[in-house]
Every structure is written in structure tokens, then in C-alpha cells.
Amino acid sequence: PEPTPTFTLPPAPTAVPTLAPAQPTAVPESTDSYAPCYRAEMISETIPDGTVFTPGKTFTKIWVIRNTGVCEWGEKFLWKLVEGEDFGVVNEIELGRVVAPNEELEVKLEMQTPLLEGNYKGTFQIITDEGGSVTPLGFWVYIVSQK
């Protein structure tokens, strides 16, 4: 059977104390250092690089990613396959909610190992509503399909 792609986000916090003004929507000007508007850092992932699966095996890949920039990610931002194997999932999915600076995003995809044996890699990026990349290197799945 075809795997069903899913995309989950942790629920937004129910109460967040506000101690400072809301984050700016543009990069603040500073003479001391540059703080990027859009930036992401992977906190954890399941399915380490090089994991071996039998051909056609369904597996779940989960990334936990933190917004480490100074700007929020909009709900129209995309989780998008930008290179390589798609593992049977939809190539782009809207985030569907705002992700504030320092907030974490969980991406969970049901994937399937290709039927032919070999090494496979698919690279995903978070893409802004204007088409720019939040993280140039992206986040990937790298597995081995082997009987």
C-alpha cells in the first residue's frame, strides 16, 4: 500500500508570558552583529543516516527543528523536497501555523523505501512565502534499500 504522508506540529503553547515587545518582522539593524531573520536548527531526528531497510518498507521520519532566527515563520511557509528521492511523500506541505523565534516545529513523514536496492537521499528545506530558503543545507533522509 502507498504510505500516507503526514505532517504534524506540536500544539502552540497555551500561555506564554510576554516580557518584551513582539519580535520584529524585519532584520534589526545593528553595528555589533548580524542576526539572521530566517534560520533553522535541527534539534533531533529519527532514522539516522545510513539506516538499512528492506525494499518497500514503510518507515516514519521525524525531525524536530527550532526557529533560531529573529523572524517568525508564516503559516504559508513550506516544507519542500528540493533534491533527490521523494520516498513516496508529497513534495511540499504548508506549515499551517506560525512558528515564532525559539519555537520548535516537529515534522513527521510516513515514507517508503524504494523497491530497487541502493543508497537513497532526499533533501527538504523550509521555504518562505516569498520563495527563499530558511536553511540553505536543508534536512534530509539518507537510507539504504537492501534485501
Protein backbone atom coordinates (compact mmCIF):
# COMPACT_ATOMS: atom_id res chain seq x y z
CA PRO A 1 0.00 0.00 0.00
CA GLU A 2 1.03 3.59 -0.63
CA PRO A 3 2.32 5.38 2.50
CA THR A 4 0.17 8.22 3.75
CA PRO A 5 2.21 11.42 4.21
CA THR A 6 1.55 13.22 7.44
CA PHE A 7 2.78 16.47 8.83
CA THR A 8 2.43 17.27 12.48
CA LEU A 9 3.26 20.29 14.54
CA PRO A 10 3.35 20.43 18.31
CA PRO A 11 0.45 22.47 19.69
CA ALA A 12 1.11 26.13 20.25
CA PRO A 13 1.72 26.97 23.91
CA THR A 14 -1.48 27.88 25.72
CA ALA A 15 0.07 30.68 27.75
CA VAL A 16 3.31 32.47 27.02
CA PRO A 17 4.34 35.32 29.30
CA THR A 18 5.10 38.47 27.35
CA LEU A 19 8.12 40.19 28.83
CA ALA A 20 9.29 42.05 25.76
CA PRO A 21 7.71 43.58 22.66
CA ALA A 22 6.80 41.24 19.82
CA GLN A 23 9.63 40.16 17.54
CA PRO A 24 10.22 42.46 14.55
CA THR A 25 9.24 41.23 11.11
CA ALA A 26 12.43 42.57 9.52
CA VAL A 27 16.08 42.10 10.40
CA PRO A 28 17.02 44.66 13.04
CA GLU A 29 19.89 46.94 12.18
CA SER A 30 22.92 46.51 14.40
CA THR A 31 26.51 47.63 14.19
CA ASP A 32 27.74 44.90 16.56
CA SER A 33 26.46 41.71 14.93
CA TYR A 34 24.05 40.43 12.34
CA ALA A 35 21.08 38.36 13.48
CA PRO A 36 19.51 36.49 10.54
CA CYS A 37 15.80 36.91 10.02
CA TYR A 38 15.17 33.30 8.92
CA ARG A 39 17.24 30.49 10.33
CA ALA A 40 16.60 26.92 11.47
CA GLU A 41 18.48 24.35 13.51
CA MET A 42 17.74 20.65 13.78
CA ILE A 43 17.25 19.62 17.41
CA SER A 44 16.69 15.89 16.83
CA GLU A 45 15.71 13.34 14.22
CA THR A 46 14.73 9.71 13.96
CA ILE A 47 16.14 7.32 11.34
CA PRO A 48 19.91 8.07 11.40
CA ASP A 49 21.83 8.42 8.12
CA GLY A 50 22.66 5.07 6.56
CA THR A 51 19.80 3.12 8.18
CA VAL A 52 19.15 -0.08 6.21
CA PHE A 53 15.56 -1.03 5.28
CA THR A 54 14.24 -3.80 3.07
CA PRO A 55 12.82 -2.61 -0.28
CA GLY A 56 9.24 -1.32 0.00
CA LYS A 57 9.42 -0.95 3.82
CA THR A 58 7.32 1.86 5.33
CA PHE A 59 9.05 3.98 7.98
CA THR A 60 8.40 7.20 9.89
CA LYS A 61 10.96 10.01 9.82
CA ILE A 62 10.59 12.76 12.44
CA TRP A 63 12.61 15.97 12.61
CA VAL A 64 12.38 18.47 15.46
CA ILE A 65 13.51 21.87 14.17
CA ARG A 66 13.90 25.13 16.08
CA ASN A 67 13.37 28.59 14.59
CA THR A 68 16.72 30.19 15.51
CA GLY A 69 16.17 33.39 13.51
CA VAL A 70 14.67 36.65 14.74
CA CYS A 71 11.59 36.48 12.47
CA GLU A 72 8.58 34.20 12.71
CA TRP A 73 7.84 31.63 10.04
CA GLY A 74 4.45 32.19 8.43
CA GLU A 75 1.74 29.58 8.11
CA LYS A 76 2.20 29.63 4.31
CA PHE A 77 5.87 28.61 4.59
CA LEU A 78 6.52 25.20 3.01
CA TRP A 79 8.30 22.00 3.97
CA LYS A 80 9.53 21.14 0.47
CA LEU A 81 11.54 18.40 -1.23
CA VAL A 82 14.31 20.26 -3.08
CA GLU A 83 16.54 17.40 -4.23
CA GLY A 84 16.65 13.64 -4.52
CA GLU A 85 14.28 10.80 -3.66
CA ASP A 86 10.73 11.64 -2.53
CA PHE A 87 10.19 8.33 -0.62
CA GLY A 88 6.54 8.39 -1.71
CA VAL A 89 5.58 11.59 0.13
CA VAL A 90 4.02 14.83 -1.09
CA ASN A 91 6.76 17.15 -2.38
CA GLU A 92 5.58 20.23 -0.47
CA ILE A 93 3.41 20.82 2.58
CA GLU A 94 2.36 24.15 4.13
CA LEU A 95 3.41 24.57 7.76
CA GLY A 96 -0.16 25.65 8.55
CA ARG A 97 0.71 27.79 11.56
CA VAL A 98 3.14 30.48 12.66
CA VAL A 99 6.41 29.32 14.24
CA ALA A 100 7.85 32.04 16.48
CA PRO A 101 11.58 32.58 17.14
CA ASN A 102 12.91 29.88 19.53
CA GLU A 103 9.79 27.77 18.95
CA GLU A 104 10.13 24.18 17.78
CA LEU A 105 8.47 22.54 14.79
CA GLU A 106 8.00 18.78 14.51
CA VAL A 107 7.87 17.34 11.01
CA LYS A 108 6.66 13.75 10.79
CA LEU A 109 6.50 11.93 7.46
CA GLU A 110 5.43 8.38 6.67
CA MET A 111 7.87 7.26 3.97
CA GLN A 112 8.57 4.17 1.93
CA THR A 113 11.90 2.63 0.95
CA PRO A 114 12.38 2.43 -2.85
CA LEU A 115 11.84 -1.04 -4.35
CA LEU A 116 15.25 -1.14 -6.04
CA GLU A 117 18.27 -1.76 -3.84
CA GLY A 118 20.72 1.10 -3.38
CA ASN A 119 21.51 4.24 -1.39
CA TYR A 120 18.85 6.97 -1.41
CA LYS A 121 18.80 10.54 -0.18
CA GLY A 122 16.08 13.18 -0.26
CA THR A 123 16.69 16.75 0.91
CA PHE A 124 13.94 19.01 2.27
CA GLN A 125 14.02 22.72 3.09
CA ILE A 126 11.72 25.18 4.77
CA ILE A 127 10.77 27.71 2.08
CA THR A 128 9.42 31.18 2.86
CA ASP A 129 6.20 32.51 1.32
CA GLU A 130 8.46 34.57 -0.97
CA GLY A 131 10.38 31.51 -2.19
CA GLY A 132 13.58 31.90 -0.16
CA SER A 133 15.18 29.12 1.85
CA VAL A 134 15.21 29.29 5.65
CA THR A 135 18.22 26.93 5.81
CA PRO A 136 20.49 26.54 2.77
CA LEU A 137 21.66 22.99 3.57
CA GLY A 138 18.24 21.60 4.40
CA PHE A 139 17.21 18.45 6.24
CA TRP A 140 17.50 15.05 4.66
CA VAL A 141 16.66 11.38 4.70
CA TYR A 142 19.56 9.08 3.76
CA ILE A 143 18.82 5.36 3.80
CA VAL A 144 19.95 2.11 2.21
CA SER A 145 17.42 -0.17 0.47
CA GLN A 146 18.77 -3.70 0.82
CA LYS A 147 17.30 -7.21 0.94
